[in-house]
Amino acid sequence: MEKTLFEDLVQSLKEAKAITNGKAQASRRIEVTAPDVKAVREKIGLSQSEFAHLMHVSIKTLQNWEQHRRTPTGPAAALLKIVSTAPDLALKSLHA
């Protein structure tokens, strides 16, 4: 590895540690908020088991999301946003 690449990597790790410890602000932060899961599921007309299968999660996980005991995060939240915004395209893509 080139010396400059290694130095960049070390600097990045130091910055990450400072951000984690609250000593520095992240340069950017992206936050995806998931829409109401039950409303999305009902909007596209799927049962809980069908929607759970589509989302690749267990029915129990889906029920926890719908009853607000848990909140979908990361890729699941992003996928829910896509399904909510463009259900026809999302369903077509996920069933392909």
Protein backbone atom coordinates (compact mmCIF):
# COMPACT_ATOMS: atom_id res chain seq x y z
CA MET A 1 0.00 0.00 0.00
CA GLU A 2 1.29 3.43 -0.86
CA LYS A 3 2.35 5.56 2.08
CA THR A 4 -0.15 8.34 1.26
CA LEU A 5 -3.03 5.86 1.05
CA PHE A 6 -2.07 4.42 4.42
CA GLU A 7 -1.85 7.91 5.95
CA ASP A 8 -5.31 8.75 4.55
CA LEU A 9 -6.69 5.56 6.07
CA VAL A 10 -5.18 6.31 9.46
CA GLN A 11 -6.56 9.88 9.33
CA SER A 12 -10.02 8.53 8.46
CA LEU A 13 -9.93 6.18 11.42
CA LYS A 14 -8.92 9.04 13.74
CA GLU A 15 -11.82 11.14 12.43
CA ALA A 16 -14.24 8.24 12.90
CA LYS A 17 -13.09 7.80 16.49
CA ALA A 18 -13.53 11.53 17.19
CA ILE A 19 -17.06 11.44 15.74
CA THR A 20 -17.93 8.34 17.78
CA ASN A 21 -16.63 9.98 20.97
CA GLY A 22 -18.62 13.16 20.28
CA LYS A 23 -15.51 15.29 19.79
CA ALA A 24 -16.28 16.04 16.12
CA GLN A 25 -19.33 16.36 13.90
CA ALA A 26 -19.86 14.06 10.95
CA SER A 27 -19.44 15.88 7.64
CA ARG A 28 -22.77 14.51 6.45
CA ARG A 29 -25.50 12.33 7.80
CA ILE A 30 -28.28 10.67 5.87
CA GLU A 31 -31.37 9.66 7.76
CA VAL A 32 -34.10 7.58 6.17
CA THR A 33 -37.36 7.55 8.07
CA ALA A 34 -39.62 4.63 7.31
CA PRO A 35 -43.24 5.31 6.43
CA ASP A 36 -46.07 3.71 8.38
CA VAL A 37 -45.59 0.01 7.60
CA LYS A 38 -49.20 -1.03 8.01
CA ALA A 39 -50.39 1.79 5.75
CA VAL A 40 -47.88 0.80 3.06
CA ARG A 41 -48.92 -2.85 3.26
CA GLU A 42 -52.61 -2.00 3.09
CA LYS A 43 -52.00 0.45 0.23
CA ILE A 44 -50.60 -2.33 -1.96
CA GLY A 45 -53.20 -4.84 -0.77
CA LEU A 46 -51.02 -7.61 0.63
CA SER A 47 -51.57 -9.77 3.69
CA GLN A 48 -49.02 -9.70 6.49
CA SER A 49 -47.50 -12.99 5.36
CA GLU A 50 -47.29 -11.85 1.71
CA PHE A 51 -45.72 -8.51 2.66
CA ALA A 52 -43.28 -10.14 5.09
CA HIS A 53 -42.20 -12.52 2.32
CA LEU A 54 -41.79 -9.60 -0.09
CA MET A 55 -39.66 -7.70 2.43
CA HIS A 56 -37.66 -10.85 3.33
CA VAL A 57 -38.51 -10.53 7.03
CA SER A 58 -40.42 -12.76 9.43
CA ILE A 59 -44.10 -12.15 10.07
CA LYS A 60 -43.20 -11.39 13.70
CA THR A 61 -40.79 -8.65 12.56
CA LEU A 62 -43.48 -7.17 10.33
CA GLN A 63 -46.00 -7.25 13.19
CA ASN A 64 -43.50 -5.50 15.47
CA TRP A 65 -43.07 -2.77 12.85
CA GLU A 66 -46.82 -2.39 12.36
CA GLN A 67 -47.47 -2.19 16.11
CA HIS A 68 -44.57 0.27 16.58
CA ARG A 69 -42.67 -2.02 18.95
CA ARG A 70 -39.75 -1.89 16.53
CA THR A 71 -38.76 0.50 13.76
CA PRO A 72 -37.37 -0.62 10.43
CA THR A 73 -33.90 0.76 9.81
CA GLY A 74 -31.31 0.82 7.08
CA PRO A 75 -32.15 -1.08 3.91
CA ALA A 76 -35.59 -2.11 5.20
CA ALA A 77 -36.56 1.52 5.84
CA ALA A 78 -35.26 2.51 2.39
CA LEU A 79 -37.18 -0.32 0.71
CA LEU A 80 -40.37 0.63 2.54
CA LYS A 81 -39.94 4.21 1.31
CA ILE A 82 -39.56 2.95 -2.27
CA VAL A 83 -42.60 0.67 -1.97
CA SER A 84 -44.60 3.57 -0.51
CA THR A 85 -43.54 6.02 -3.23
CA ALA A 86 -43.66 3.77 -6.30
CA PRO A 87 -45.55 0.59 -5.37
CA ASP A 88 -46.07 -0.68 -8.93
CA LEU A 89 -42.42 -0.31 -9.85
CA ALA A 90 -41.25 -1.75 -6.53
CA LEU A 91 -43.54 -4.79 -6.76
CA LYS A 92 -42.54 -5.39 -10.37
CA SER A 93 -38.84 -5.18 -9.45
CA LEU A 94 -39.14 -7.38 -6.37
CA HIS A 95 -41.10 -10.08 -8.22
CA ALA A 96 -38.69 -10.16 -11.19
